[in-house]
Amino acid sequence: MNWVTGILVYVIIWWVTIFMVLPWGARPAENPEEGHATSAPAKAMIGRKFLINSIVAAVIWAVVFWLIESQVISIEDIARNLGA
């Protein structure tokens, strides 16, 4: 895996995992202000969630990188089987 492919794989993993991390700790406000959605979280903590997500994505990326580099999974074999 070259560095461009590695970055692209990380970005894809990051975007997939952000949707799993966003709901963590989200609690709606007890008394939402008028004009606000009743389901909007009181404290979004988005910076913390981005940091946690980046770490989770890095761990998943490291596993994917190891699987590809050790040739446990071969991208060429997958592509060949899908084309058959």
Protein backbone atom coordinates (compact mmCIF):
# COMPACT_ATOMS: atom_id res chain seq x y z
CA MET A 1 0.00 0.00 0.00
CA ASN A 2 1.54 3.31 -1.01
CA TRP A 3 1.13 6.47 1.08
CA VAL A 4 -1.69 7.93 -1.06
CA THR A 5 -3.72 4.74 -0.77
CA GLY A 6 -3.00 4.63 2.96
CA ILE A 7 -4.30 8.18 3.44
CA LEU A 8 -7.41 7.49 1.37
CA VAL A 9 -8.15 4.30 3.31
CA TYR A 10 -7.74 6.21 6.59
CA VAL A 11 -10.11 8.97 5.44
CA ILE A 12 -12.75 6.42 4.42
CA ILE A 13 -12.40 4.60 7.75
CA TRP A 14 -12.57 7.95 9.61
CA TRP A 15 -15.82 8.94 7.89
CA VAL A 16 -17.42 5.56 8.50
CA THR A 17 -16.48 5.50 12.18
CA ILE A 18 -17.55 9.12 12.87
CA PHE A 19 -21.17 8.02 12.46
CA MET A 20 -20.59 5.38 15.14
CA VAL A 21 -18.90 7.83 17.54
CA LEU A 22 -21.27 10.81 17.19
CA PRO A 23 -24.11 9.37 19.31
CA TRP A 24 -21.81 8.59 22.26
CA GLY A 25 -22.83 10.68 25.26
CA ALA A 26 -25.47 12.66 23.35
CA ARG A 27 -28.25 13.67 25.72
CA PRO A 28 -31.02 16.05 24.65
CA ALA A 29 -31.53 19.24 26.64
CA GLU A 30 -34.21 18.97 29.30
CA ASN A 31 -35.68 22.36 28.46
CA PRO A 32 -34.73 23.27 24.89
CA GLU A 33 -34.92 26.92 23.90
CA GLU A 34 -37.69 27.95 21.58
CA GLY A 35 -36.76 27.33 17.96
CA HIS A 36 -34.25 24.57 18.80
CA ALA A 37 -34.85 20.94 17.94
CA THR A 38 -35.98 18.94 20.95
CA SER A 39 -33.59 16.15 19.95
CA ALA A 40 -30.48 18.40 19.72
CA PRO A 41 -27.82 17.42 22.28
CA ALA A 42 -27.25 19.77 25.19
CA LYS A 43 -23.45 19.37 24.96
CA ALA A 44 -22.21 18.02 21.64
CA MET A 45 -18.53 17.63 22.73
CA ILE A 46 -17.62 17.49 19.03
CA GLY A 47 -13.90 18.12 19.57
CA ARG A 48 -13.62 15.19 21.97
CA LYS A 49 -15.59 12.98 19.58
CA PHE A 50 -13.31 13.93 16.66
CA LEU A 51 -10.26 13.05 18.77
CA ILE A 52 -11.72 9.72 19.91
CA ASN A 53 -12.81 8.96 16.35
CA SER A 54 -9.33 9.72 15.00
CA ILE A 55 -7.80 7.27 17.48
CA VAL A 56 -10.39 4.56 16.74
CA ALA A 57 -9.90 5.07 12.98
CA ALA A 58 -6.10 4.86 13.39
CA VAL A 59 -6.39 1.52 15.21
CA ILE A 60 -8.73 0.12 12.57
CA TRP A 61 -6.44 1.47 9.82
CA ALA A 62 -3.43 -0.21 11.45
CA VAL A 63 -5.26 -3.56 11.39
CA VAL A 64 -6.26 -3.07 7.74
CA PHE A 65 -2.69 -2.04 6.87
CA TRP A 66 -1.28 -5.13 8.54
CA LEU A 67 -3.80 -7.40 6.78
CA ILE A 68 -2.91 -5.94 3.38
CA GLU A 69 0.87 -5.78 3.88
CA SER A 70 1.11 -9.30 5.31
CA GLN A 71 -1.00 -10.45 2.34
CA VAL A 72 -3.62 -12.06 4.54
CA ILE A 73 -6.01 -10.14 2.29
CA SER A 74 -4.98 -9.60 -1.32
CA ILE A 75 -6.68 -6.71 -3.09
CA GLU A 76 -5.78 -8.27 -6.44
CA ASP A 77 -7.49 -11.56 -5.51
CA ILE A 78 -10.61 -9.71 -4.36
CA ALA A 79 -10.73 -7.72 -7.61
CA ARG A 80 -10.17 -10.88 -9.66
CA ASN A 81 -12.97 -12.74 -7.83
CA LEU A 82 -15.41 -9.86 -8.22
CA GLY A 83 -14.73 -9.72 -11.96
CA ALA A 84 -15.31 -13.45 -12.44
